Protein backbone atom coordinates (compact mmCIF):
# COMPACT_ATOMS: atom_id res chain seq x y z
CA UNK A 1 -88.66 -49.10 -67.45
CA UNK A 2 -90.30 -47.47 -64.42
CA UNK A 3 -93.50 -49.25 -63.39
CA UNK A 4 -95.45 -48.30 -60.27
CA UNK A 5 -97.86 -50.76 -58.65
CA UNK A 6 -100.75 -49.46 -56.55
CA UNK A 7 -102.66 -52.34 -54.99
CA UNK A 8 -106.31 -51.98 -54.12
CA UNK A 9 -107.97 -54.98 -52.49
CA UNK A 10 -111.72 -55.53 -52.44
CA UNK A 11 -113.71 -58.12 -50.54
CA UNK A 12 -116.31 -58.55 -53.24
CA UNK A 13 -116.72 -62.19 -54.26
CA UNK A 14 -116.39 -61.36 -57.97
CA UNK A 15 -113.40 -59.03 -57.63
CA UNK A 16 -110.73 -60.56 -55.41
CA UNK A 17 -108.02 -58.01 -56.20
CA UNK A 18 -107.34 -55.24 -58.68
CA UNK A 19 -103.98 -53.58 -59.11
CA UNK A 20 -103.45 -50.18 -60.67
CA UNK A 21 -100.15 -49.93 -62.54
CA UNK A 22 -98.51 -46.77 -63.83
CA UNK A 23 -96.15 -46.88 -66.79
CA UNK A 24 -94.47 -43.97 -68.64
CA UNK A 25 -95.06 -43.60 -72.36
CA UNK A 26 -93.93 -40.69 -74.52
CA UNK A 27 -93.29 -38.54 -71.47
CA UNK A 28 -96.72 -39.17 -69.92
CA UNK A 29 -97.52 -41.41 -66.96
CA UNK A 30 -100.19 -43.80 -68.27
CA UNK A 31 -102.08 -46.32 -66.16
CA UNK A 32 -104.01 -49.56 -66.36
CA UNK A 33 -105.82 -51.95 -64.05
CA UNK A 34 -104.77 -55.57 -63.76
CA UNK A 35 -106.78 -58.54 -62.50
CA UNK A 36 -105.45 -62.05 -61.95
CA UNK A 37 -107.88 -64.75 -60.78
CA UNK A 38 -107.29 -65.92 -57.20
CA UNK A 39 -105.55 -69.22 -56.59
CA UNK A 40 -103.82 -68.97 -59.96
CA UNK A 41 -100.25 -70.27 -59.86
CA UNK A 42 -98.05 -67.38 -60.98
CA UNK A 43 -95.90 -69.70 -63.11
CA UNK A 44 -98.76 -71.41 -64.96
CA UNK A 45 -99.57 -70.38 -68.54
CA UNK A 46 -102.49 -67.95 -68.61
CA UNK A 47 -104.54 -66.22 -71.30
CA UNK A 48 -104.71 -62.43 -71.31
CA UNK A 49 -107.70 -60.24 -72.24
CA UNK A 50 -107.22 -56.52 -72.89
CA UNK A 51 -110.50 -54.63 -72.24
CA UNK A 52 -110.91 -51.11 -73.64
CA UNK A 53 -113.46 -48.60 -72.41
CA UNK A 54 -115.53 -46.35 -74.65
CA UNK A 55 -115.52 -42.58 -75.20
CA UNK A 56 -115.45 -40.72 -71.85
CA UNK A 57 -115.35 -44.06 -70.06
CA UNK A 58 -112.80 -45.37 -67.58
CA UNK A 59 -110.85 -48.56 -67.01
CA UNK A 60 -112.73 -49.29 -63.77
CA UNK A 61 -116.04 -48.25 -65.33
CA UNK A 62 -115.52 -50.73 -68.18
CA UNK A 63 -115.05 -53.59 -65.75
CA UNK A 64 -117.71 -52.57 -63.22
CA UNK A 65 -120.54 -51.07 -65.31
CA UNK A 66 -120.00 -51.30 -69.08
CA UNK A 67 -119.58 -55.07 -68.98
CA UNK A 68 -121.38 -55.66 -65.69
CA UNK A 69 -118.38 -57.24 -63.95
CA UNK A 70 -115.91 -58.64 -66.46
CA UNK A 71 -113.67 -59.93 -63.67
CA UNK A 72 -116.37 -62.44 -62.79
CA UNK A 73 -115.99 -64.17 -66.15
CA UNK A 74 -112.19 -63.81 -65.93
CA UNK A 75 -112.31 -65.67 -62.65
CA UNK A 76 -114.62 -68.36 -64.04
CA UNK A 77 -112.49 -69.06 -67.13
CA UNK A 78 -109.16 -68.47 -65.42
CA UNK A 79 -107.72 -65.69 -67.57
CA UNK A 80 -105.94 -62.47 -66.70
CA UNK A 81 -107.62 -59.15 -67.53
CA UNK A 82 -106.02 -55.77 -68.13
CA UNK A 83 -108.00 -52.54 -68.48
CA UNK A 84 -105.95 -49.62 -69.83
CA UNK A 85 -107.04 -46.03 -69.22
CA UNK A 86 -107.32 -43.62 -72.13
CA UNK A 87 -105.85 -40.14 -71.79
CA UNK A 88 -108.42 -37.79 -70.29
CA UNK A 89 -109.10 -34.16 -69.45
CA UNK A 90 -111.88 -32.11 -67.89
CA UNK A 91 -113.56 -29.90 -70.46
CA UNK A 92 -114.27 -26.45 -68.99
CA UNK A 93 -116.89 -25.54 -71.59
CA UNK A 94 -119.11 -28.50 -70.80
CA UNK A 95 -117.89 -29.39 -67.28
CA UNK A 96 -117.43 -32.95 -68.45
CA UNK A 97 -114.84 -35.69 -68.15
CA UNK A 98 -113.46 -36.61 -71.59
CA UNK A 99 -111.42 -39.72 -72.35
CA UNK A 100 -110.82 -41.65 -75.56
CA UNK A 101 -108.55 -43.79 -77.72
CA UNK A 102 -106.71 -42.72 -80.84
CA UNK A 103 -107.69 -45.51 -83.25
CA UNK A 104 -106.11 -43.48 -86.09
CA UNK A 105 -109.58 -42.65 -87.47
CA UNK A 106 -111.45 -40.63 -84.83
CA UNK A 107 -108.50 -38.25 -84.55
CA UNK A 108 -108.94 -37.20 -88.19
CA UNK A 109 -111.34 -35.12 -90.26
CA UNK A 110 -110.21 -35.97 -93.78
CA UNK A 111 -110.68 -39.31 -95.54
CA UNK A 112 -109.68 -40.27 -99.10
CA UNK A 113 -113.28 -39.54 -100.16
CA UNK A 114 -114.33 -36.62 -97.99
CA UNK A 115 -114.73 -35.87 -94.30
CA UNK A 116 -115.63 -38.04 -91.31
CA UNK A 117 -118.61 -35.85 -90.40
CA UNK A 118 -121.34 -33.78 -92.03
CA UNK A 119 -121.37 -29.97 -92.12
CA UNK A 120 -124.09 -29.93 -89.43
CA UNK A 121 -122.41 -32.52 -87.18
CA UNK A 122 -122.01 -32.06 -83.46
CA UNK A 123 -118.54 -30.77 -82.50
CA UNK A 124 -116.90 -32.55 -79.57
CA UNK A 125 -114.37 -31.15 -77.07
CA UNK A 126 -110.83 -31.09 -78.44
CA UNK A 127 -107.83 -32.35 -76.52
CA UNK A 128 -105.65 -29.38 -75.47
CA UNK A 129 -102.54 -30.94 -77.08
CA UNK A 130 -104.25 -31.98 -80.34
CA UNK A 131 -104.25 -29.14 -82.85
CA UNK A 132 -104.18 -30.82 -86.26
CA UNK A 133 -107.17 -33.13 -86.27
CA UNK A 134 -109.63 -30.70 -87.80
CA UNK A 135 -113.30 -29.97 -87.26
CA UNK A 136 -114.51 -33.58 -87.10
CA UNK A 137 -111.79 -35.00 -84.81
CA UNK A 138 -113.06 -36.13 -81.42
CA UNK A 139 -110.48 -38.55 -79.97
CA UNK A 140 -107.05 -38.31 -78.46
CA UNK A 141 -104.14 -37.78 -80.87
CA UNK A 142 -101.68 -39.56 -78.58
CA UNK A 143 -99.86 -42.82 -79.34
CA UNK A 144 -102.37 -45.14 -77.70
CA UNK A 145 -101.38 -48.10 -79.88
CA UNK A 146 -97.80 -47.79 -78.64
CA UNK A 147 -99.00 -47.44 -75.04
CA UNK A 148 -101.06 -50.63 -75.12
CA UNK A 149 -98.26 -52.51 -76.89
CA UNK A 150 -95.93 -51.41 -74.08
CA UNK A 151 -98.43 -52.66 -71.48
CA UNK A 152 -98.62 -56.04 -73.23
CA UNK A 153 -94.82 -56.29 -73.52
CA UNK A 154 -94.39 -55.53 -69.81
CA UNK A 155 -96.99 -58.18 -68.94
CA UNK A 156 -95.35 -60.80 -71.18
CA UNK A 157 -92.02 -60.10 -69.47
CA UNK A 158 -93.53 -60.76 -66.02
CA UNK A 159 -96.13 -63.48 -66.66
CA UNK A 160 -96.35 -66.75 -68.55
CA UNK A 161 -98.82 -65.46 -71.14
CA UNK A 162 -100.33 -68.00 -73.52
CA UNK A 163 -102.87 -66.32 -75.83
CA UNK A 164 -103.76 -62.62 -75.98
CA UNK A 165 -107.19 -61.25 -76.90
CA UNK A 166 -108.30 -57.64 -77.24
CA UNK A 167 -111.89 -56.47 -76.82
CA UNK A 168 -113.48 -53.05 -76.62
CA UNK A 169 -116.74 -51.14 -76.48
CA UNK A 170 -117.58 -48.27 -78.87
CA UNK A 171 -114.40 -46.15 -79.21
CA UNK A 172 -112.71 -49.01 -77.35
CA UNK A 173 -113.97 -51.39 -80.05
CA UNK A 174 -112.50 -49.12 -82.71
CA UNK A 175 -109.23 -49.26 -80.78
CA UNK A 176 -109.38 -53.05 -80.54
CA UNK A 177 -109.70 -53.19 -84.33
CA UNK A 178 -106.82 -50.74 -84.75
CA UNK A 179 -104.60 -52.91 -82.54
CA UNK A 180 -105.58 -55.99 -84.54
CA UNK A 181 -104.55 -54.16 -87.71
CA UNK A 182 -101.26 -52.91 -86.29
CA UNK A 183 -100.17 -56.09 -84.46
CA UNK A 184 -102.12 -59.03 -85.92
CA UNK A 185 -99.40 -61.51 -84.96
CA UNK A 186 -99.69 -60.49 -81.30
CA UNK A 187 -103.33 -61.46 -80.75
CA UNK A 188 -105.18 -64.75 -80.97
CA UNK A 189 -108.35 -62.77 -81.59
CA UNK A 190 -109.99 -59.34 -81.44
CA UNK A 191 -113.58 -58.29 -80.78
CA UNK A 192 -114.95 -54.89 -81.78
CA UNK A 193 -118.23 -54.30 -79.93
CA UNK A 194 -120.44 -51.50 -81.34
CA UNK A 195 -117.36 -49.65 -82.60
CA UNK A 196 -117.55 -49.36 -86.38
CA UNK A 197 -114.60 -47.24 -87.51
CA UNK A 198 -115.10 -44.10 -89.57
CA UNK A 199 -116.22 -44.54 -93.15
CA UNK A 200 -113.31 -44.94 -95.57
CA UNK A 201 -110.86 -45.19 -92.66
CA UNK A 202 -111.74 -48.69 -91.44
CA UNK A 203 -108.51 -50.69 -91.26
CA UNK A 204 -107.66 -54.18 -92.50
CA UNK A 205 -104.51 -55.95 -91.23
CA UNK A 206 -101.85 -57.24 -93.59
CA UNK A 207 -101.65 -60.56 -91.73
CA UNK A 208 -104.52 -62.87 -90.71
CA UNK A 209 -106.13 -62.58 -87.27
CA UNK A 210 -109.40 -63.92 -85.87
CA UNK A 211 -111.88 -61.07 -85.75
CA UNK A 212 -115.37 -60.51 -84.38
CA UNK A 213 -117.38 -57.39 -85.13
CA UNK A 214 -120.60 -56.91 -83.14
CA UNK A 215 -123.30 -54.28 -83.71
CA UNK A 216 -126.73 -53.35 -82.40
CA UNK A 217 -129.38 -52.81 -85.06
CA UNK A 218 -130.99 -50.00 -83.04
CA UNK A 219 -127.67 -48.20 -82.53
CA UNK A 220 -127.81 -44.55 -83.64
CA UNK A 221 -124.52 -43.58 -81.94
CA UNK A 222 -122.27 -45.80 -84.06
CA UNK A 223 -124.72 -47.38 -86.50
CA UNK A 224 -123.81 -50.80 -87.95
CA UNK A 225 -126.02 -50.38 -91.03
CA UNK A 226 -126.82 -46.71 -91.65
CA UNK A 227 -123.67 -44.77 -92.48
CA UNK A 228 -124.67 -41.51 -90.77
CA UNK A 229 -124.98 -41.45 -86.97
CA UNK A 230 -127.41 -39.26 -85.05
CA UNK A 231 -124.64 -36.72 -84.34
CA UNK A 232 -123.69 -36.39 -88.02
CA UNK A 233 -120.60 -38.61 -88.11
CA UNK A 234 -120.08 -41.26 -90.79
CA UNK A 235 -119.20 -44.88 -90.01
CA UNK A 236 -118.25 -47.91 -92.09
CA UNK A 237 -121.18 -50.35 -92.35
CA UNK A 238 -120.51 -53.55 -90.44
CA UNK A 239 -121.27 -55.73 -93.44
CA UNK A 240 -118.66 -53.88 -95.52
CA UNK A 241 -116.03 -54.48 -92.85
CA UNK A 242 -116.94 -58.18 -92.74
CA UNK A 243 -116.75 -58.48 -96.52
CA UNK A 244 -113.46 -56.57 -96.75
CA UNK A 245 -111.73 -58.72 -94.15
CA UNK A 246 -113.15 -61.95 -95.62
CA UNK A 247 -112.00 -61.01 -99.10
CA UNK A 248 -108.57 -59.88 -97.93
CA UNK A 249 -107.90 -63.24 -96.26
CA UNK A 250 -109.44 -65.31 -99.07
CA UNK A 251 -112.15 -66.95 -96.96
CA UNK A 252 -114.11 -69.53 -98.94
CA UNK A 253 -116.72 -70.94 -96.55
CA UNK A 254 -119.58 -68.68 -95.44
CA UNK A 255 -122.41 -69.43 -93.03
CA UNK A 256 -125.36 -67.12 -92.35
CA UNK A 257 -127.64 -67.92 -89.44
CA UNK A 258 -130.31 -66.34 -87.27
CA UNK A 259 -130.94 -67.48 -83.71
CA UNK A 260 -132.46 -66.49 -80.39
CA UNK A 261 -130.12 -66.33 -77.42
CA UNK A 262 -131.80 -63.98 -74.94
CA UNK A 263 -131.83 -61.50 -77.85
CA UNK A 264 -132.37 -62.09 -81.57
CA UNK A 265 -129.14 -62.38 -83.52
CA UNK A 266 -128.04 -62.49 -87.13
CA UNK A 267 -124.57 -63.99 -87.46
CA UNK A 268 -122.27 -64.32 -90.46
CA UNK A 269 -119.16 -66.47 -90.28
CA UNK A 270 -116.34 -66.68 -92.82
CA UNK A 271 -113.92 -69.58 -92.47
CA UNK A 272 -111.37 -71.59 -94.46
CA UNK A 273 -109.42 -68.35 -94.59
CA UNK A 274 -105.71 -67.66 -94.94
CA UNK A 275 -103.92 -68.65 -91.74
CA UNK A 276 -106.90 -70.70 -90.58
CA UNK A 277 -108.64 -67.68 -89.09
CA UNK A 278 -112.35 -66.96 -88.75
CA UNK A 279 -114.13 -63.66 -89.39
CA UNK A 280 -117.45 -63.21 -87.59
CA UNK A 281 -120.14 -60.54 -87.85
CA UNK A 282 -122.86 -60.49 -85.19
CA UNK A 283 -125.88 -58.19 -85.42
CA UNK A 284 -128.09 -57.94 -82.33
CA UNK A 285 -131.54 -57.06 -83.69
CA UNK A 286 -132.95 -56.03 -80.32
CA UNK A 287 -130.29 -53.68 -78.93
CA UNK A 288 -128.61 -50.36 -79.57
CA UNK A 289 -125.26 -48.91 -78.50
CA UNK A 290 -124.74 -51.35 -75.64
CA UNK A 291 -122.47 -54.14 -74.48
CA UNK A 292 -124.12 -57.59 -74.80
CA UNK A 293 -126.28 -58.29 -71.77
CA UNK A 294 -126.43 -54.66 -70.62
CA UNK A 295 -129.55 -52.52 -71.10
CA UNK A 296 -128.25 -49.04 -70.24
CA UNK A 297 -125.45 -46.70 -71.33
CA UNK A 298 -122.95 -46.88 -68.47
CA UNK A 299 -119.25 -46.95 -67.64
CA UNK A 300 -118.66 -43.21 -67.13
CA UNK A 301 -117.58 -43.66 -63.53
CA UNK A 302 -114.79 -44.77 -61.23
CA UNK A 303 -114.17 -47.15 -58.36
CA UNK A 304 -111.61 -47.05 -55.57
CA UNK A 305 -109.20 -48.48 -58.14
CA UNK A 306 -109.16 -45.04 -59.79
CA UNK A 307 -110.02 -42.75 -56.92
CA UNK A 308 -108.02 -39.92 -58.53
CA UNK A 309 -110.74 -39.41 -61.14
CA UNK A 310 -113.23 -36.67 -60.29
CA UNK A 311 -116.37 -38.39 -61.57
CA UNK A 312 -119.27 -40.39 -60.20
CA UNK A 313 -118.72 -43.66 -58.39
CA UNK A 314 -119.63 -46.82 -60.28
CA UNK A 315 -122.69 -48.86 -59.38
CA UNK A 316 -122.99 -52.62 -59.19
CA UNK A 317 -124.47 -53.88 -62.48
CA UNK A 318 -124.98 -57.56 -63.21
CA UNK A 319 -124.53 -59.13 -66.63
CA UNK A 320 -126.05 -62.59 -66.77
CA UNK A 321 -124.96 -63.62 -70.27
CA UNK A 322 -123.18 -61.00 -72.38
CA UNK A 323 -119.61 -61.39 -71.15
CA UNK A 324 -119.65 -65.17 -71.52
CA UNK A 325 -121.20 -64.76 -74.96
CA UNK A 326 -118.23 -62.72 -76.21
CA UNK A 327 -115.54 -64.56 -74.25
CA UNK A 328 -116.61 -68.03 -75.38
CA UNK A 329 -116.64 -66.91 -79.01
CA UNK A 330 -113.02 -65.80 -78.65
CA UNK A 331 -111.78 -68.75 -76.59
CA UNK A 332 -113.25 -71.18 -79.11
CA UNK A 333 -111.24 -69.69 -81.99
């Protein structure tokens, strides 16, 4: 397997070193960023987090802006982080950078009960190589699940990986759920952040896996409660996903709680499930389509790690609580 390493070193206290790695998949050179905390013995067991950017986002933008510096929490808790890059193109009609993940739902128009969008829905730029998705399709049609599995396999072959977690924002959250469904035995846990999958296409794995689904009550982009989004696309309600997973894995203990932790939250937890897993639904009552701890829609940018991308440079954004909030939930599973 041909793997190319491109090292980019920063002297920022929170980002000691990022490495861009290129790996071929299905005839296309794909890439991802890799971060290993400093002073970590290369032979020691280490947990791995896969972080997935949202629609038209980037790997470096996810780390730098979307999450407000995810490497900082990776350094604190001593885990390795990998940020894959979705396939992208520059749309001539809108002069915009387009990137996405094929979660096997966004690349389709038809569902068993209808279509994934309304007749008056917004139509998004189509990938030049994707001709069969139909009117409502808006993501890549490439084998992104296979690409990320290949990245994980290559990492396992070179590092002493202990537990693997996958997290993602928006379309990246949809992709995290798709990976959990496809390879449940590979991950210790998965977290889908503001990424409800399309209505009637939301997947459930055939084997148990710890799962967290997080939504913002004020989200109109991928709404966790209302089925129809502002752009006319239909999404599976978060509560239905929680109930479907809990039922599928025969969970018998349920806890509902409301609490204040910077924001107001409503959390549902299903436990005593098949395989000893836990299913968690978290609704942030104060936020919209945002990563926990971030108050603006960001991540559509690049850093020197991905200097080949012709888009704006990322800014420094601080996240005082959101990354730890999600990470601790996963590490405690």
